[in-house]
Amino acid sequence: MSQEDLEKYENEMELALYREYRDVVNLFSHVVETERRFYLCNAVDVKVRSDHGEVYFEVTMEDAWVWDIYRPARFAKRVRVVTFKDVNVEELAKTDIQMPDQPF
């Protein structure tokens, strides 16, 4: 497989993922962004933890969808993330998630 073929495949996978996102975003109430992943979910809990002077976040989500082109199954009943990096949690207003009919 050439580099060009690989790039074409990844672009097609990204477009398919965007289309899936567009189809499912209305099912969720929250967006959660970590340094590694982007999630949609219907319940989220963030706890600040400390261990030996190190502060980290424990994020638990329920009824989640994961933005990841390499995951064969993007829906998860429960997700737990532990991170030392920032976590962004937003509650979606229904007007915030009106998606265009055609991407790009």
Protein backbone atom coordinates (compact mmCIF):
# COMPACT_ATOMS: atom_id res chain seq x y z
CA MET A 1 0.00 0.00 0.00
CA SER A 2 1.46 3.33 -1.04
CA GLN A 3 1.51 6.46 1.09
CA GLU A 4 -1.07 7.98 -1.22
CA ASP A 5 -3.36 4.95 -0.80
CA LEU A 6 -2.99 5.16 2.97
CA GLU A 7 -3.84 8.87 3.00
CA LYS A 8 -6.88 8.26 0.78
CA TYR A 9 -8.06 5.46 3.10
CA GLU A 10 -7.64 7.65 6.21
CA ASN A 11 -9.50 10.54 4.53
CA GLU A 12 -12.37 8.21 3.63
CA MET A 13 -12.46 6.90 7.21
CA GLU A 14 -12.52 10.47 8.61
CA LEU A 15 -15.40 11.38 6.32
CA ALA A 16 -17.32 8.24 7.34
CA LEU A 17 -16.67 9.08 11.00
CA TYR A 18 -17.93 12.63 10.49
CA ARG A 19 -21.09 11.27 8.89
CA GLU A 20 -21.60 8.90 11.81
CA TYR A 21 -21.05 11.81 14.24
CA ARG A 22 -23.63 13.86 12.35
CA ASP A 23 -26.11 10.98 12.62
CA VAL A 24 -25.65 10.38 16.37
CA VAL A 25 -24.92 13.80 17.90
CA ASN A 26 -28.60 14.48 18.57
CA LEU A 27 -28.70 11.42 20.85
CA PHE A 28 -26.31 12.93 23.40
CA SER A 29 -26.33 15.73 25.95
CA HIS A 30 -22.60 16.30 26.64
CA VAL A 31 -19.32 16.68 24.81
CA VAL A 32 -16.17 15.60 26.66
CA GLU A 33 -12.71 16.33 25.29
CA THR A 34 -9.51 14.90 26.73
CA GLU A 35 -5.98 15.10 25.36
CA ARG A 36 -6.48 11.78 23.56
CA ARG A 37 -10.16 11.51 22.64
CA PHE A 38 -13.41 13.29 21.92
CA TYR A 39 -16.62 11.81 23.36
CA LEU A 40 -20.33 12.35 23.20
CA CYS A 41 -22.24 11.08 26.23
CA ASN A 42 -25.42 11.43 28.25
CA ALA A 43 -23.85 11.40 31.72
CA VAL A 44 -20.44 12.59 32.84
CA ASP A 45 -18.72 12.86 36.21
CA VAL A 46 -15.30 14.47 36.71
CA LYS A 47 -13.43 13.96 39.95
CA VAL A 48 -10.17 15.69 40.85
CA ARG A 49 -7.82 13.25 42.56
CA SER A 50 -4.46 13.64 44.24
CA ASP A 51 -1.82 11.01 44.84
CA HIS A 52 1.60 11.83 46.34
CA GLY A 53 1.23 15.49 45.36
CA GLU A 54 0.21 14.73 41.76
CA VAL A 55 -3.21 16.00 40.70
CA TYR A 56 -5.17 14.08 38.08
CA PHE A 57 -8.72 13.78 36.78
CA GLU A 58 -10.93 10.73 36.81
CA VAL A 59 -13.68 11.08 34.22
CA THR A 60 -16.58 8.63 34.08
CA MET A 61 -19.05 8.72 31.22
CA GLU A 62 -22.13 6.66 30.53
CA ASP A 63 -23.90 5.98 27.26
CA ALA A 64 -20.94 7.26 25.24
CA TRP A 65 -19.80 7.52 21.64
CA VAL A 66 -16.05 7.84 20.92
CA TRP A 67 -14.54 9.81 18.03
CA ASP A 68 -11.87 7.36 16.87
CA ILE A 69 -11.52 6.09 13.31
CA TYR A 70 -9.62 3.01 14.44
CA ARG A 71 -12.26 1.67 16.87
CA PRO A 72 -14.54 -0.95 15.34
CA ALA A 73 -17.25 -0.15 17.93
CA ARG A 74 -17.62 3.47 18.92
CA PHE A 75 -20.55 3.10 21.33
CA ALA A 76 -19.72 2.25 24.95
CA LYS A 77 -22.02 1.77 27.90
CA ARG A 78 -19.46 3.12 30.38
CA VAL A 79 -16.10 4.83 29.88
CA ARG A 80 -13.52 5.70 32.51
CA VAL A 81 -10.60 8.00 31.69
CA VAL A 82 -7.75 8.90 34.03
CA THR A 83 -5.64 11.83 32.87
CA PHE A 84 -3.14 14.38 34.13
CA LYS A 85 -4.12 16.76 31.31
CA ASP A 86 -7.05 19.16 30.97
CA VAL A 87 -10.57 17.86 30.52
CA ASN A 88 -13.24 19.92 28.77
CA VAL A 89 -16.91 19.12 29.47
CA GLU A 90 -19.75 20.94 27.73
CA GLU A 91 -23.47 20.43 27.97
CA LEU A 92 -25.00 20.62 24.52
CA ALA A 93 -27.98 22.85 23.93
CA LYS A 94 -30.21 21.43 21.24
CA THR A 95 -29.58 24.53 19.11
CA ASP A 96 -25.81 23.88 19.33
CA ILE A 97 -26.04 20.57 17.54
CA GLN A 98 -27.86 21.41 14.35
CA MET A 99 -25.68 19.78 11.74
CA PRO A 100 -25.47 20.77 8.07
CA ASP A 101 -26.84 18.31 5.53
CA GLN A 102 -23.59 18.10 3.60
CA PRO A 103 -20.11 18.00 5.18
CA PHE A 104 -17.51 20.47 4.01
